[in-house]
Amino acid sequence: MSQASTATSHSFSRRIYTFSTFKADVHQIFDHMDDLRRAARGGRVSKTFAEKLMLVVTAVNGCRYCRYGHSQAALAAGVSETELQQLLALDLGTFPLHEVTALTFAQHYAESGCQPDSAAWQQVVTTYGEETAHDILVYLRMITFGNLVGNTFDALLSRLAGKPAPGSSPGNELSVLLGVAWMPPTRLLLRMFSRKQPGSKASSTLSKT
């Protein structure tokens, strides 16, 4: 995923989108929605585990909307209240060994601005296998997209309250939020149309970074 701008002032310190990085992520994610479908249907990453991974990323990025929504989804998927609080606090040491590698990678992925260390990624591949590692990455990318959109909305609210996000602008924030309404559906429609063309075939080109 592309680097997004990071608001570093005490007034608004959460990571947000620039329009250019938002556009790049829309293209990357929504041109490859088959990756998400395969991850959801493949069963290699359970619903419960997927929610744990997404909560870790959300805890780093600080999106209040995703925090609420995925907390409810995690509880419904079988995550205990104790586990939920540990995930939101990034207290990952007590989780089962077969989950810790992915959970710590999710934290690293978010903290590195979606630019994880190659050795950390290789450890995920070694631990879970290429297909499962790819599914894990799909979930991390999707929740990051939701986190940064939510944070960009809050950046606009913060601006209206007199505390603008450093490095951003009203035009940037409005462009991203308006883009949410039309860019993803447009990419999906273009993908559907292209797949109907003679000689076209779906492909998965989702890479690590």
Protein backbone atom coordinates (compact mmCIF):
# COMPACT_ATOMS: atom_id res chain seq x y z
CA MET A 1 0.00 0.00 0.00
CA SER A 2 1.20 3.52 -0.71
CA GLN A 3 2.52 5.82 2.01
CA ALA A 4 -0.19 8.10 3.37
CA SER A 5 0.52 11.41 5.03
CA THR A 6 0.93 11.32 8.79
CA ALA A 7 -0.42 14.07 11.02
CA THR A 8 2.16 14.57 13.74
CA SER A 9 0.93 17.58 15.71
CA HIS A 10 -0.60 17.08 19.12
CA SER A 11 -3.80 18.61 17.71
CA PHE A 12 -4.38 15.70 15.32
CA SER A 13 -1.89 12.87 15.40
CA ARG A 14 -3.54 10.09 13.42
CA ARG A 15 -2.43 8.88 10.03
CA ILE A 16 -4.63 10.13 7.18
CA TYR A 17 -4.86 9.92 3.40
CA THR A 18 -3.64 12.32 0.80
CA PHE A 19 -5.75 12.22 -2.34
CA SER A 20 -2.92 10.69 -4.37
CA THR A 21 -2.33 7.86 -1.91
CA PHE A 22 -6.08 7.32 -1.54
CA LYS A 23 -6.39 7.02 -5.32
CA ALA A 24 -3.48 4.58 -5.51
CA ASP A 25 -4.97 2.38 -2.80
CA VAL A 26 -8.40 2.39 -4.43
CA HIS A 27 -6.82 1.14 -7.64
CA GLN A 28 -4.70 -1.44 -5.84
CA ILE A 29 -7.46 -2.84 -3.66
CA PHE A 30 -10.57 -2.60 -5.78
CA ASP A 31 -8.89 -3.80 -8.96
CA HIS A 32 -8.10 -7.00 -7.05
CA MET A 33 -11.28 -7.71 -5.12
CA ASP A 34 -10.93 -11.37 -6.04
CA ASP A 35 -8.14 -11.50 -3.46
CA LEU A 36 -10.58 -10.53 -0.71
CA ARG A 37 -13.18 -13.01 -1.95
CA ARG A 38 -10.62 -15.80 -1.94
CA ALA A 39 -9.45 -14.85 1.53
CA ALA A 40 -13.00 -14.77 2.89
CA ARG A 41 -14.06 -18.02 1.22
CA GLY A 42 -10.84 -19.97 1.51
CA GLY A 43 -11.08 -20.57 5.24
CA ARG A 44 -7.33 -20.35 5.74
CA VAL A 45 -7.83 -17.34 8.01
CA SER A 46 -10.87 -17.80 10.25
CA LYS A 47 -13.34 -14.99 10.85
CA THR A 48 -12.18 -14.78 14.46
CA PHE A 49 -8.51 -14.55 13.51
CA ALA A 50 -9.24 -12.00 10.79
CA GLU A 51 -11.02 -9.78 13.30
CA LYS A 52 -8.07 -10.03 15.68
CA LEU A 53 -5.70 -8.95 12.92
CA MET A 54 -7.89 -6.04 11.93
CA LEU A 55 -8.24 -4.89 15.53
CA VAL A 56 -4.46 -4.75 15.91
CA VAL A 57 -4.11 -2.54 12.83
CA THR A 58 -7.00 -0.38 14.03
CA ALA A 59 -5.38 -0.01 17.45
CA VAL A 60 -2.25 1.39 15.79
CA ASN A 61 -4.05 3.67 13.35
CA GLY A 62 -6.58 4.88 15.90
CA CYS A 63 -9.74 4.93 13.78
CA ARG A 64 -12.61 5.27 16.23
CA TYR A 65 -15.21 4.06 13.73
CA CYS A 66 -13.34 0.86 12.89
CA ARG A 67 -12.55 0.36 16.57
CA TYR A 68 -16.24 0.32 17.42
CA GLY A 69 -17.42 -1.68 14.41
CA HIS A 70 -14.73 -4.33 14.54
CA SER A 71 -14.93 -4.64 18.31
CA GLN A 72 -18.56 -5.63 17.90
CA ALA A 73 -17.72 -7.94 14.99
CA ALA A 74 -14.90 -9.56 16.96
CA LEU A 75 -17.13 -10.28 19.95
CA ALA A 76 -19.73 -11.76 17.61
CA ALA A 77 -17.02 -13.93 16.01
CA GLY A 78 -15.99 -15.39 19.36
CA VAL A 79 -13.25 -13.09 20.60
CA SER A 80 -13.55 -12.76 24.38
CA GLU A 81 -13.84 -9.40 26.12
CA THR A 82 -10.43 -9.98 27.70
CA GLU A 83 -8.85 -10.71 24.33
CA LEU A 84 -10.55 -7.67 22.85
CA GLN A 85 -9.05 -5.35 25.43
CA GLN A 86 -5.62 -6.96 25.00
CA LEU A 87 -5.76 -6.48 21.23
CA LEU A 88 -6.76 -2.84 21.55
CA ALA A 89 -3.93 -2.30 24.03
CA LEU A 90 -1.51 -4.15 21.71
CA ASP A 91 -0.79 -6.59 24.51
CA LEU A 92 -0.15 -9.57 22.24
CA GLY A 93 2.15 -11.75 24.29
CA THR A 94 -0.57 -13.94 25.80
CA PHE A 95 -2.14 -15.04 22.53
CA PRO A 96 -1.59 -18.57 21.18
CA LEU A 97 1.76 -19.12 19.48
CA HIS A 98 0.12 -19.89 16.14
CA GLU A 99 -1.45 -16.40 16.18
CA VAL A 100 1.35 -14.29 17.63
CA THR A 101 3.47 -14.13 14.47
CA ALA A 102 0.62 -12.72 12.42
CA LEU A 103 -0.61 -10.39 15.16
CA THR A 104 2.83 -8.89 15.74
CA PHE A 105 3.29 -8.56 11.98
CA ALA A 106 -0.04 -6.70 11.80
CA GLN A 107 1.24 -4.25 14.40
CA HIS A 108 4.52 -3.83 12.53
CA TYR A 109 2.68 -3.42 9.22
CA ALA A 110 0.59 -0.56 10.60
CA GLU A 111 3.42 1.11 12.51
CA SER A 112 5.66 1.03 9.43
CA GLY A 113 3.07 2.81 7.30
CA CYS A 114 2.36 -0.35 5.29
CA GLN A 115 6.05 -0.80 4.49
CA PRO A 116 6.96 -3.89 6.54
CA ASP A 117 10.46 -5.22 6.84
CA SER A 118 11.14 -8.01 4.36
CA ALA A 119 12.40 -10.31 7.12
CA ALA A 120 9.20 -9.84 9.10
CA TRP A 121 7.14 -10.66 6.02
CA GLN A 122 9.23 -13.73 5.28
CA GLN A 123 8.60 -14.98 8.80
CA VAL A 124 4.85 -14.77 8.15
CA VAL A 125 5.26 -16.72 4.90
CA THR A 126 7.41 -19.33 6.62
CA THR A 127 4.98 -19.71 9.52
CA TYR A 128 1.70 -19.86 7.60
CA GLY A 129 2.59 -20.65 3.99
CA GLU A 130 2.27 -18.35 0.99
CA GLU A 131 -1.49 -18.61 0.49
CA THR A 132 -2.40 -17.95 4.11
CA ALA A 133 0.20 -15.17 4.35
CA HIS A 134 -1.36 -13.55 1.29
CA ASP A 135 -4.82 -13.79 2.87
CA ILE A 136 -3.49 -12.15 6.03
CA LEU A 137 -2.06 -9.30 3.97
CA VAL A 138 -5.38 -8.78 2.20
CA TYR A 139 -7.14 -8.26 5.53
CA LEU A 140 -4.43 -5.87 6.69
CA ARG A 141 -4.77 -3.80 3.54
CA MET A 142 -8.54 -3.64 3.66
CA ILE A 143 -8.69 -2.55 7.31
CA THR A 144 -5.96 0.04 6.71
CA PHE A 145 -8.07 1.51 3.92
CA GLY A 146 -11.05 1.79 6.26
CA ASN A 147 -8.90 3.21 9.07
CA LEU A 148 -7.40 5.96 6.95
CA VAL A 149 -10.72 6.96 5.41
CA GLY A 150 -12.21 7.23 8.90
CA ASN A 151 -9.23 9.21 10.13
CA THR A 152 -9.43 11.56 7.17
CA PHE A 153 -13.06 12.27 8.03
CA ASP A 154 -12.03 13.03 11.60
CA ALA A 155 -9.24 15.27 10.29
CA LEU A 156 -11.88 17.36 8.55
CA LEU A 157 -13.94 17.53 11.75
CA SER A 158 -10.82 18.52 13.65
CA ARG A 159 -10.13 21.24 11.08
CA LEU A 160 -13.63 22.64 11.54
CA ALA A 161 -12.94 22.72 15.28
CA GLY A 162 -9.83 24.81 14.68
CA LYS A 163 -7.27 21.99 14.93
CA PRO A 164 -6.20 21.12 11.37
CA ALA A 165 -4.03 18.12 10.60
CA PRO A 166 -0.49 19.20 9.69
CA GLY A 167 0.42 18.66 6.05
CA SER A 168 -3.18 18.35 4.95
CA SER A 169 -5.69 20.83 3.54
CA PRO A 170 -9.47 21.23 3.28
CA GLY A 171 -9.26 20.38 -0.41
CA ASN A 172 -7.33 17.20 0.27
CA GLU A 173 -9.72 15.97 2.94
CA LEU A 174 -12.83 16.80 0.91
CA SER A 175 -11.35 15.18 -2.20
CA VAL A 176 -10.68 11.94 -0.32
CA LEU A 177 -14.12 11.85 1.29
CA LEU A 178 -15.93 12.65 -1.95
CA GLY A 179 -13.76 10.08 -3.69
CA VAL A 180 -15.04 7.40 -1.32
CA ALA A 181 -18.50 7.83 -2.85
CA TRP A 182 -17.52 7.27 -6.46
CA MET A 183 -14.02 5.88 -6.94
CA PRO A 184 -14.42 2.35 -5.46
CA PRO A 185 -17.73 1.67 -7.29
CA THR A 186 -16.18 2.99 -10.50
CA ARG A 187 -13.16 0.69 -10.20
CA LEU A 188 -15.42 -2.29 -9.55
CA LEU A 189 -17.59 -1.48 -12.57
CA LEU A 190 -14.54 -1.05 -14.78
CA ARG A 191 -13.22 -4.39 -13.55
CA MET A 192 -16.53 -6.12 -14.29
CA PHE A 193 -16.59 -4.61 -17.77
CA SER A 194 -12.98 -5.56 -18.54
CA ARG A 195 -13.57 -9.16 -17.49
CA LYS A 196 -16.36 -9.45 -20.04
CA GLN A 197 -14.09 -8.45 -22.89
CA PRO A 198 -12.85 -11.25 -25.21
CA GLY A 199 -9.46 -12.55 -24.21
CA SER A 200 -9.46 -10.90 -20.82
CA LYS A 201 -8.73 -12.88 -17.69
CA ALA A 202 -8.70 -12.13 -14.02
CA SER A 203 -5.37 -12.00 -12.31
CA SER A 204 -4.10 -11.47 -8.82
CA THR A 205 -1.20 -9.05 -8.64
CA LEU A 206 -1.41 -8.03 -5.02
CA SER A 207 2.15 -7.65 -3.86
CA LYS A 208 3.58 -7.17 -0.39
CA THR A 209 4.18 -3.44 -0.58
